Protein backbone atom coordinates (compact mmCIF):
# COMPACT_ATOMS: atom_id res chain seq x y z
CA MET A 1 183.76 -33.07 14.16
CA LEU A 2 187.48 -33.77 14.46
CA GLU A 3 190.01 -32.14 12.14
CA ARG A 4 193.79 -32.46 12.47
CA GLY A 5 193.36 -33.43 16.12
CA ILE A 6 191.17 -30.44 16.98
CA ARG A 7 187.53 -30.97 17.92
CA HIS A 8 185.04 -28.55 16.36
CA TYR A 9 181.44 -28.03 17.44
CA PRO A 10 179.67 -26.44 14.48
CA ALA A 11 176.09 -25.26 14.85
CA PRO A 12 173.46 -27.54 13.31
CA LEU A 13 173.01 -26.92 9.58
CA GLU A 14 170.38 -27.72 7.02
CA PRO A 15 171.59 -30.43 4.63
CA GLY A 16 173.86 -29.13 1.90
CA PRO A 17 174.42 -30.73 -1.51
CA ILE A 18 176.17 -33.80 -0.11
CA GLY A 19 173.65 -34.28 2.70
CA LYS A 20 170.76 -33.95 0.25
CA HIS A 21 172.33 -36.63 -1.95
CA LEU A 22 172.67 -38.98 1.03
CA ILE A 23 169.05 -38.40 2.09
CA GLU A 24 167.60 -38.76 -1.42
CA THR A 25 169.59 -41.82 -2.51
CA LYS A 26 170.46 -43.47 0.82
CA SER A 27 173.78 -44.32 -0.81
CA ALA A 28 177.38 -43.25 -0.28
CA LYS A 29 179.12 -40.58 -2.32
CA MET A 30 182.81 -40.15 -3.10
CA ILE A 31 184.25 -36.81 -4.21
CA ASN A 32 187.81 -36.87 -5.48
CA SER A 33 188.72 -33.29 -6.37
CA GLN A 34 188.18 -29.67 -5.48
CA SER A 35 186.49 -29.16 -8.86
CA GLU A 36 183.92 -31.86 -7.97
CA PHE A 37 183.15 -30.04 -4.69
CA GLU A 38 182.75 -26.78 -6.62
CA ALA A 39 180.53 -28.43 -9.28
CA ILE A 40 177.93 -29.39 -6.64
CA ASN A 41 178.19 -26.04 -4.81
CA SER A 42 179.54 -27.64 -1.65
CA PHE A 43 180.46 -25.34 1.23
CA VAL A 44 183.09 -25.30 3.96
CA ILE A 45 181.97 -25.26 7.58
CA GLU A 46 183.26 -22.12 9.28
CA GLY A 47 186.53 -22.68 11.14
CA THR A 48 187.50 -25.79 9.16
CA ALA A 49 189.66 -26.44 6.10
CA ALA A 50 188.25 -27.12 2.64
CA SER A 51 188.46 -30.77 1.67
CA LYS A 52 190.16 -31.91 -1.51
CA SER A 53 188.53 -35.36 -1.43
CA GLY A 54 186.02 -37.20 0.71
CA ILE A 55 183.82 -40.22 1.26
CA TYR A 56 180.33 -39.70 2.68
CA ALA A 57 177.95 -42.43 3.86
CA PRO A 58 174.42 -42.17 5.22
CA MET A 59 173.45 -43.72 8.55
CA VAL A 60 170.10 -45.37 7.84
CA VAL A 61 167.65 -46.70 10.45
CA LYS A 62 164.35 -48.23 9.33
CA ASP A 63 164.73 -46.69 5.85
CA ARG A 64 165.35 -43.19 7.29
CA VAL A 65 168.65 -41.29 7.13
CA VAL A 66 169.44 -40.24 10.71
CA GLY A 67 172.99 -39.00 10.20
CA SER A 68 176.10 -39.43 8.12
CA LEU A 69 179.74 -40.38 8.34
CA ALA A 70 182.37 -38.37 6.50
CA ILE A 71 186.05 -39.06 5.93
CA GLU A 72 187.79 -36.17 4.25
CA ASN A 73 191.31 -35.32 3.13
CA PRO A 74 192.16 -31.60 3.11
CA ASP A 75 195.58 -32.21 1.55
CA GLU A 76 195.17 -34.56 -1.42
CA GLU A 77 192.80 -34.98 -4.32
CA HIS A 78 192.02 -38.60 -5.28
CA ALA A 79 192.97 -39.73 -1.76
CA PHE A 80 190.33 -42.50 -1.79
CA SER A 81 189.33 -45.29 -4.14
CA GLU A 82 186.45 -47.73 -4.25
């Protein structure tokens, strides 16, 4: 994980609300505000900043989610569009 030029090595976690969505739907998710993060009970990984918006995409191999890609903005809500 890279945030503001600093590499973080968080311990492995069980999927949270966003990860569960990616696994269940195998489709991307965009969150555009802090209130949207709060509505799904998202959490902040220890030692990192809370995101104000983000795009999350599953990495799928042979119909199985094996990871995810996340692009987040800790400074601006509505930083991304479709």
